[in-house]
Amino acid sequence: MRNRSRDRDGDAEPLTIDLAAAAELPSSNEIQHWARDQRIFISSVMDELKTERKAVAQAIRTLGAEPVWFEEFGGRDGDPNDAYTAEVASSTVYVGILGQRYGRLLPTRFSATHTEYLFAEEHGLRISVYPLDVPDREGRQQAFLEEVWQFHTAPIVAAGDLPAAVVRRLERIAAEDLAPWCKLGNVVFRASSVSETKEQIVVAAKVRSRDVSHALDQMAGERWSSFDGQFTWHGRSQAVRVTDIEVTTTASTSRAYRISLERREAQRDSLLDVALGKKTPDDLTEIAIRVALLDEQNPLSEQQMDFMADLGDPLASLRKEKIPDEIFRAIAQLLLAEALVGSGRIARITKFRLGADVAGKRQLELGWETPRRYSNAKPQQRQVSGSIRIR
């Protein structure tokens, strides 16, 4: 698949994505090995959904993961609400089941399920919510569900299909963890592993797309003509040069790659450390993010200094082509990491929430840590949120 992404100068460049990799799941043995380290928190109104909770817990246990649910908490000292949130914090995936009832309000002014959901998001858990096919959902429960729909894909399911739906979602999460998406230049594919030393990065990947294979093959030139550019993975982005590509072709439709990358010194734009009036470099970065992603007016335009807060359009490729929703968020996060972390504008992305497509727009929440420019300066935590146009 070919898309277009725009660099800082506004020029479009082709982007090739291994879409076939999105559908590939790990083997049963790989999923079971992954599941051993997973604690899956089950959140719902308890008395209404006793049967469903038990069925989901059994399905999680059969997969090899540990279900975390109130029925097995056991006695303990302290506030029960603190016990809930402590268990959420120690889990890796949040599974919410939404029936008819919202539940009684806690001191947070939310129900226990809603409080646990918000706590799970704040602590970076994978979120998976299942609204059941029930009549006459309570008003507050419907409002909660609509909040979930802003940021997550949560199709309504029948109670009998719930355990299988949870297992399918956990298998997808396992695939994301075991084969993370990465981007080398303008080629996007899933890596089997990424190993690092101070001097080099080695990427192992199984590629199913012929276009992606061809693009990767072209990067293995002679020493003076091999690919020299950016590699982005897992919220990080590094300037690299390809030093070696080893390819194994089998009878299947995929090809196994082992790509050796030499770390390179990034060419940092000196303007990124320049203040403008009372606006610090970090203020200018935030303005650039707001202009590029949220379509806000650049406040520097009147001074004809808008180039000081120019990020281009990091998500141009996602606006131009239809990319499957199951990989849309992963690729969007890659593009933002390359544009922001790779350029040195920010130190790292601390929060990323991208909602479902509603009439061509998605809700975005993006948090980041500012770079440490001086040894005695403490990095700041910043955040923007709003609606972004995707087509």
Protein backbone atom coordinates (compact mmCIF):
# COMPACT_ATOMS: atom_id res chain seq x y z
CA MET A 1 0.00 0.00 0.00
CA ARG A 2 1.26 3.44 -0.91
CA ASN A 3 0.47 6.63 0.97
CA ARG A 4 1.94 10.10 1.06
CA SER A 5 3.56 11.76 4.05
CA ARG A 6 4.83 15.31 4.13
CA ASP A 7 8.21 16.36 5.50
CA ARG A 8 9.03 19.73 7.05
CA ASP A 9 9.33 21.34 3.63
CA GLY A 10 5.86 20.16 2.63
CA ASP A 11 7.07 17.63 0.02
CA ALA A 12 5.19 14.35 -0.13
CA GLU A 13 7.11 11.08 0.06
CA PRO A 14 5.80 7.53 -0.48
CA LEU A 15 5.06 5.38 2.56
CA THR A 16 4.85 1.60 2.19
CA ILE A 17 3.02 -0.44 4.87
CA ASP A 18 3.00 -4.21 5.36
CA LEU A 19 -0.78 -4.47 5.73
CA ALA A 20 -0.63 -8.27 5.57
CA ALA A 21 1.28 -8.25 8.88
CA ALA A 22 -1.71 -6.71 10.66
CA ALA A 23 -3.75 -9.89 10.30
CA GLU A 24 -1.03 -12.26 11.47
CA LEU A 25 -1.35 -13.69 14.98
CA PRO A 26 1.39 -15.36 17.03
CA SER A 27 1.33 -19.13 17.46
CA SER A 28 -0.57 -20.69 20.35
CA ASN A 29 2.71 -21.38 22.17
CA GLU A 30 3.84 -17.76 21.75
CA ILE A 31 0.49 -16.46 23.05
CA GLN A 32 0.61 -18.77 26.07
CA HIS A 33 4.16 -17.67 26.84
CA TRP A 34 3.07 -14.00 26.59
CA ALA A 35 -0.02 -14.67 28.72
CA ARG A 36 2.02 -15.94 31.69
CA ASP A 37 3.11 -12.37 32.42
CA GLN A 38 -0.34 -10.79 31.99
CA ARG A 39 -2.80 -9.79 34.71
CA ILE A 40 -6.21 -9.00 33.24
CA PHE A 41 -8.43 -6.79 35.41
CA ILE A 42 -12.16 -7.49 35.03
CA SER A 43 -14.32 -4.45 35.75
CA SER A 44 -18.14 -4.30 35.83
CA VAL A 45 -21.16 -4.02 38.07
CA MET A 46 -20.83 -7.26 40.00
CA ASP A 47 -24.30 -8.31 41.05
CA GLU A 48 -25.81 -7.74 37.59
CA LEU A 49 -23.09 -9.58 35.68
CA LYS A 50 -22.01 -12.46 37.94
CA THR A 51 -22.37 -15.08 35.18
CA GLU A 52 -20.56 -13.00 32.57
CA ARG A 53 -17.68 -12.16 34.93
CA LYS A 54 -17.17 -15.81 35.78
CA ALA A 55 -17.17 -16.83 32.09
CA VAL A 56 -14.65 -14.13 31.17
CA ALA A 57 -12.38 -15.06 34.10
CA GLN A 58 -12.41 -18.70 32.98
CA ALA A 59 -11.60 -17.74 29.37
CA ILE A 60 -8.67 -15.60 30.54
CA ARG A 61 -7.38 -18.41 32.74
CA THR A 62 -7.67 -20.92 29.86
CA LEU A 63 -5.58 -18.58 27.68
CA GLY A 64 -2.86 -18.74 30.34
CA ALA A 65 -3.20 -15.26 31.86
CA GLU A 66 -4.28 -14.34 35.39
CA PRO A 67 -7.79 -12.89 35.80
CA VAL A 68 -7.94 -10.16 38.42
CA TRP A 69 -11.47 -9.83 39.78
CA PHE A 70 -13.06 -8.86 43.08
CA GLU A 71 -14.45 -12.33 43.73
CA GLU A 72 -10.89 -13.59 44.28
CA PHE A 73 -9.34 -10.58 46.01
CA GLY A 74 -9.71 -12.12 49.46
CA GLY A 75 -9.81 -10.22 52.75
CA ARG A 76 -7.41 -7.33 53.29
CA ASP A 77 -6.95 -4.22 55.39
CA GLY A 78 -7.68 -0.72 54.15
CA ASP A 79 -10.31 1.00 52.04
CA PRO A 80 -11.92 -1.38 49.47
CA ASN A 81 -11.81 1.33 46.80
CA ASP A 82 -8.05 1.60 47.31
CA ALA A 83 -7.87 -2.17 46.87
CA TYR A 84 -9.60 -1.90 43.48
CA THR A 85 -7.24 0.75 42.16
CA ALA A 86 -4.18 -1.04 43.56
CA GLU A 87 -5.17 -4.16 41.63
CA VAL A 88 -5.75 -2.10 38.48
CA ALA A 89 -2.29 -0.53 38.81
CA SER A 90 -0.68 -3.97 39.06
CA SER A 91 -2.52 -5.30 35.99
CA THR A 92 -1.56 -5.06 32.32
CA VAL A 93 -4.96 -5.08 30.59
CA TYR A 94 -8.30 -3.60 31.64
CA VAL A 95 -11.44 -5.47 30.53
CA GLY A 96 -14.64 -3.51 31.15
CA ILE A 97 -18.09 -5.07 30.78
CA LEU A 98 -20.97 -2.60 30.52
CA GLY A 99 -24.50 -3.87 31.12
CA GLN A 100 -27.70 -2.00 31.98
CA ARG A 101 -26.69 -0.47 35.29
CA TYR A 102 -24.07 2.20 35.98
CA GLY A 103 -23.56 1.27 39.65
CA ARG A 104 -23.53 3.31 42.83
CA LEU A 105 -21.39 6.41 43.00
CA LEU A 106 -18.08 6.42 44.86
CA PRO A 107 -16.52 9.53 46.48
CA THR A 108 -15.00 10.15 43.02
CA ARG A 109 -18.60 10.81 41.81
CA PHE A 110 -18.14 7.98 39.33
CA SER A 111 -19.12 4.34 39.64
CA ALA A 112 -16.49 1.76 40.56
CA THR A 113 -16.31 0.55 36.94
CA HIS A 114 -15.93 4.10 35.61
CA THR A 115 -13.31 4.95 38.25
CA GLU A 116 -11.32 1.82 37.42
CA TYR A 117 -11.54 2.62 33.70
CA LEU A 118 -10.16 6.14 34.20
CA PHE A 119 -7.45 4.83 36.54
CA ALA A 120 -6.47 2.19 33.98
CA GLU A 121 -6.12 4.82 31.26
CA GLU A 122 -4.03 7.07 33.49
CA HIS A 123 -1.67 4.18 34.24
CA GLY A 124 -1.23 3.11 30.62
CA LEU A 125 -3.08 -0.22 30.67
CA ARG A 126 -4.39 -1.67 27.44
CA ILE A 127 -8.10 -0.91 27.38
CA SER A 128 -10.76 -3.31 26.12
CA VAL A 129 -14.42 -2.51 26.82
CA TYR A 130 -17.45 -4.67 25.94
CA PRO A 131 -20.93 -3.11 26.00
CA LEU A 132 -23.48 -5.91 26.21
CA ASP A 133 -26.53 -6.06 23.97
CA VAL A 134 -29.09 -5.06 26.62
CA PRO A 135 -32.32 -3.02 26.51
CA ASP A 136 -32.84 0.28 28.35
CA ARG A 137 -29.30 1.09 29.42
CA GLU A 138 -29.30 3.60 32.30
CA GLY A 139 -28.62 7.21 31.33
CA ARG A 140 -25.30 7.48 33.16
CA GLN A 141 -24.24 4.10 31.81
CA GLN A 142 -25.04 5.23 28.26
CA ALA A 143 -23.05 8.43 28.83
CA PHE A 144 -20.13 6.33 30.11
CA LEU A 145 -20.32 4.13 27.01
CA GLU A 146 -20.33 7.16 24.72
CA GLU A 147 -17.21 8.43 26.53
CA VAL A 148 -15.55 5.07 25.85
CA TRP A 149 -16.55 5.23 22.17
CA GLN A 150 -14.67 8.52 21.80
CA PHE A 151 -11.33 6.77 22.29
CA HIS A 152 -11.84 3.04 21.84
CA THR A 153 -13.45 0.60 19.44
CA ALA A 154 -16.08 -1.14 21.56
CA PRO A 155 -18.69 -2.98 19.47
CA ILE A 156 -21.81 -4.24 21.24
CA VAL A 157 -21.66 -8.00 21.91
CA ALA A 158 -24.12 -10.64 23.06
CA ALA A 159 -23.46 -12.02 26.54
CA GLY A 160 -22.83 -15.50 25.14
CA ASP A 161 -20.17 -14.22 22.74
CA LEU A 162 -18.32 -12.22 25.40
CA PRO A 163 -15.63 -14.78 26.46
CA ALA A 164 -14.60 -15.44 22.84
CA ALA A 165 -14.49 -11.69 22.12
CA VAL A 166 -12.20 -11.11 25.11
CA VAL A 167 -9.85 -13.91 24.00
CA ARG A 168 -9.68 -12.53 20.45
CA ARG A 169 -8.78 -9.09 21.78
CA LEU A 170 -6.09 -10.51 24.07
CA GLU A 171 -4.61 -12.40 21.12
CA ARG A 172 -4.43 -9.12 19.19
CA ILE A 173 -2.73 -7.41 22.11
CA ALA A 174 -0.25 -10.30 22.26
CA ALA A 175 0.51 -9.76 18.56
CA GLU A 176 1.13 -6.05 19.17
CA ASP A 177 3.48 -6.82 22.08
CA LEU A 178 5.34 -9.68 20.42
CA ALA A 179 5.66 -7.99 17.00
CA PRO A 180 5.68 -4.20 17.46
CA TRP A 181 5.25 -1.86 14.51
CA CYS A 182 8.34 0.03 13.39
CA LYS A 183 9.32 2.41 10.60
CA LEU A 184 12.57 2.49 8.67
CA GLY A 185 12.66 5.47 6.38
CA ASN A 186 9.27 5.33 4.70
CA VAL A 187 8.74 1.60 5.18
CA VAL A 188 6.39 0.43 7.94
CA PHE A 189 6.41 -3.20 9.10
CA ARG A 190 6.19 -5.35 12.21
CA ALA A 191 9.37 -6.42 13.95
CA SER A 192 9.80 -9.79 15.60
CA SER A 193 12.45 -8.24 17.83
CA VAL A 194 14.59 -5.12 18.19
CA SER A 195 17.91 -5.54 20.02
CA GLU A 196 20.27 -2.69 20.84
CA THR A 197 23.80 -1.81 21.84
CA LYS A 198 25.38 1.62 22.14
CA GLU A 199 26.63 1.40 18.57
CA GLN A 200 23.95 -0.51 16.70
CA ILE A 201 20.36 -1.72 16.46
CA VAL A 202 19.42 -5.11 15.01
CA VAL A 203 15.86 -5.59 13.75
CA ALA A 204 14.37 -9.02 13.04
CA ALA A 205 11.15 -9.09 11.04
CA LYS A 206 8.96 -11.41 9.00
CA VAL A 207 7.66 -9.47 5.99
CA ARG A 208 4.63 -10.59 4.01
CA SER A 209 4.21 -7.65 1.63
CA ARG A 210 6.13 -7.79 -1.66
CA ASP A 211 6.22 -3.98 -1.78
CA VAL A 212 7.78 -3.81 1.67
CA SER A 213 10.30 -6.55 0.79
CA HIS A 214 11.29 -4.68 -2.35
CA ALA A 215 11.69 -1.40 -0.44
CA LEU A 216 13.85 -3.04 2.23
CA ASP A 217 15.98 -4.79 -0.39
CA GLN A 218 16.77 -1.42 -1.97
CA MET A 219 18.23 -0.19 1.33
CA ALA A 220 21.06 -2.73 1.27
CA GLY A 221 23.36 -0.91 -1.11
CA GLU A 222 27.12 -0.68 -0.94
CA ARG A 223 28.60 1.01 2.12
CA TRP A 224 28.55 4.42 0.44
CA SER A 225 25.01 4.01 -0.96
CA SER A 226 23.11 2.16 1.79
CA PHE A 227 20.07 3.72 3.42
CA ASP A 228 20.78 6.61 5.79
CA GLY A 229 17.75 7.96 7.66
CA GLN A 230 15.42 7.49 10.60
CA PHE A 231 14.34 4.32 12.42
CA THR A 232 11.32 4.62 14.72
CA TRP A 233 9.95 2.02 17.13
CA HIS A 234 8.18 1.79 20.49
CA GLY A 235 7.98 5.55 21.03
CA ARG A 236 11.62 6.10 20.09
CA SER A 237 13.32 7.42 16.96
CA GLN A 238 17.02 7.18 16.01
CA ALA A 239 19.09 8.36 13.06
CA VAL A 240 20.68 5.23 11.53
CA ARG A 241 22.54 3.84 8.55
CA VAL A 242 21.86 0.33 7.21
CA THR A 243 25.06 -1.71 7.44
CA ASP A 244 23.70 -5.14 6.54
CA ILE A 245 20.48 -6.88 5.53
CA GLU A 246 20.21 -10.65 5.72
CA VAL A 247 17.17 -12.22 4.03
CA THR A 248 15.84 -15.76 4.35
CA THR A 249 13.22 -16.86 1.80
CA THR A 250 11.09 -19.92 2.52
CA ALA A 251 8.27 -21.72 0.76
CA SER A 252 5.75 -19.48 2.52
CA THR A 253 4.69 -16.04 1.30
CA SER A 254 6.84 -14.27 3.91
CA ARG A 255 10.55 -13.40 4.00
CA ALA A 256 12.61 -13.23 7.20
CA TYR A 257 14.82 -10.16 7.57
CA ARG A 258 17.71 -9.38 9.89
CA ILE A 259 18.55 -5.68 9.48
CA SER A 260 21.68 -4.24 11.11
CA LEU A 261 21.59 -0.49 11.75
CA GLU A 262 24.45 1.74 12.83
CA ARG A 263 23.45 4.56 15.17
CA ARG A 264 24.17 7.99 13.69
CA GLU A 265 24.42 11.45 15.16
CA ALA A 266 21.14 13.24 14.50
CA GLN A 267 21.30 16.59 12.73
CA ARG A 268 19.42 18.78 15.18
CA ASP A 269 17.80 22.00 14.00
CA SER A 270 19.39 24.86 15.98
CA LEU A 271 16.09 26.77 15.89
CA LEU A 272 14.61 24.22 18.32
CA ASP A 273 16.62 25.77 21.16
CA VAL A 274 15.76 29.38 20.32
CA ALA A 275 13.24 31.39 22.35
CA LEU A 276 11.02 34.07 20.81
CA GLY A 277 10.10 36.94 23.09
CA LYS A 278 8.51 35.44 26.19
CA LYS A 279 7.92 32.10 24.47
CA THR A 280 10.42 29.39 25.40
CA PRO A 281 11.51 26.68 22.93
CA ASP A 282 9.05 24.33 24.66
CA ASP A 283 6.25 26.88 24.20
CA LEU A 284 7.07 27.01 20.50
CA THR A 285 6.98 23.22 20.28
CA GLU A 286 3.54 23.17 21.85
CA ILE A 287 2.33 25.83 19.41
CA ALA A 288 3.72 23.77 16.51
CA ILE A 289 1.89 20.67 17.75
CA ARG A 290 -1.39 22.55 18.15
CA VAL A 291 -1.12 24.07 14.67
CA ALA A 292 -0.11 20.81 12.96
CA LEU A 293 -2.50 18.42 14.69
CA LEU A 294 -5.44 20.49 15.94
CA ASP A 295 -5.58 23.02 13.08
CA GLU A 296 -5.26 25.94 15.48
CA GLN A 297 -4.24 29.36 14.21
CA ASN A 298 -0.53 30.05 14.55
CA PRO A 299 -0.21 33.04 16.92
CA LEU A 300 3.15 33.93 15.35
CA SER A 301 1.69 34.55 11.91
CA GLU A 302 0.98 38.22 12.57
CA GLN A 303 4.69 38.73 13.30
CA GLN A 304 5.58 36.70 10.21
CA MET A 305 7.49 34.36 12.54
CA ASP A 306 5.29 31.30 12.10
CA PHE A 307 8.30 29.32 10.79
CA MET A 308 9.53 29.25 14.41
CA ALA A 309 6.64 26.91 15.24
CA ASP A 310 6.40 24.82 12.08
CA LEU A 311 6.05 21.06 12.36
CA GLY A 312 4.64 20.34 8.91
CA ASP A 313 1.96 17.63 8.87
CA PRO A 314 3.19 14.44 10.60
CA LEU A 315 -0.11 12.63 9.89
CA ALA A 316 -0.45 13.55 6.22
CA SER A 317 -0.32 9.91 5.11
CA LEU A 318 -3.19 8.99 7.42
CA ARG A 319 -5.36 11.76 6.00
CA LYS A 320 -4.89 10.68 2.39
CA GLU A 321 -5.44 6.91 2.50
CA LYS A 322 -7.83 4.48 4.15
CA ILE A 323 -5.78 2.55 6.70
CA PRO A 324 -7.46 -0.27 8.69
CA ASP A 325 -8.55 0.90 12.12
CA GLU A 326 -6.74 -1.93 13.92
CA ILE A 327 -3.38 -0.47 12.87
CA PHE A 328 -4.32 3.21 12.47
CA ARG A 329 -3.40 4.18 16.03
CA ALA A 330 -0.10 2.27 15.97
CA ILE A 331 1.03 3.95 12.76
CA ALA A 332 -0.16 7.38 13.94
CA GLN A 333 1.94 6.98 17.07
CA LEU A 334 4.96 5.97 14.97
CA LEU A 335 4.63 9.07 12.80
CA LEU A 336 4.29 11.35 15.82
CA ALA A 337 7.28 9.75 17.54
CA GLU A 338 9.41 10.29 14.44
CA ALA A 339 8.30 13.91 14.02
CA LEU A 340 8.61 14.87 17.70
CA VAL A 341 11.13 12.55 19.36
CA GLY A 342 13.24 12.04 16.25
CA SER A 343 13.60 15.78 15.70
CA GLY A 344 14.55 16.40 19.34
CA ARG A 345 11.49 18.60 19.96
CA ILE A 346 10.42 16.37 22.86
CA ALA A 347 12.14 13.77 25.02
CA ARG A 348 9.37 11.18 24.92
CA ILE A 349 5.65 10.68 24.46
CA THR A 350 4.02 10.06 27.85
CA LYS A 351 0.38 9.82 26.79
CA PHE A 352 -1.28 8.88 23.52
CA ARG A 353 -5.03 8.43 23.11
CA LEU A 354 -6.59 8.48 19.66
CA GLY A 355 -10.32 8.01 19.33
CA ALA A 356 -12.51 6.29 16.79
CA ASP A 357 -13.29 7.86 13.42
CA VAL A 358 -16.42 10.01 13.74
CA ALA A 359 -17.30 11.85 10.52
CA GLY A 360 -13.65 12.10 9.49
CA LYS A 361 -12.34 13.29 12.86
CA ARG A 362 -10.77 11.62 15.86
CA GLN A 363 -10.29 12.81 19.42
CA LEU A 364 -6.62 13.09 20.38
CA GLU A 365 -4.88 13.38 23.73
CA LEU A 366 -1.11 13.72 23.48
CA GLY A 367 1.25 14.13 26.42
CA TRP A 368 5.00 14.54 26.33
CA GLU A 369 8.11 15.30 28.37
CA THR A 370 10.21 18.27 27.32
CA PRO A 371 13.95 17.82 26.58
CA ARG A 372 16.48 18.49 29.33
CA ARG A 373 18.43 21.40 27.84
CA TYR A 374 20.47 22.16 30.96
CA SER A 375 21.72 19.82 33.68
CA ASN A 376 19.92 21.80 36.40
CA ALA A 377 16.65 22.15 34.46
CA LYS A 378 13.83 19.76 35.27
CA PRO A 379 11.85 18.46 32.27
CA GLN A 380 8.22 19.58 32.07
CA GLN A 381 5.14 17.49 31.41
CA ARG A 382 2.87 18.97 28.73
CA GLN A 383 -0.33 17.87 27.07
CA VAL A 384 -2.72 18.89 24.30
CA SER A 385 -6.14 17.51 23.41
CA GLY A 386 -8.73 18.15 20.78
CA SER A 387 -10.21 16.92 17.54
CA ILE A 388 -7.96 16.09 14.60
CA ARG A 389 -9.00 15.85 10.97
CA ILE A 390 -8.07 12.57 9.30
CA ARG A 391 -9.72 12.94 5.88
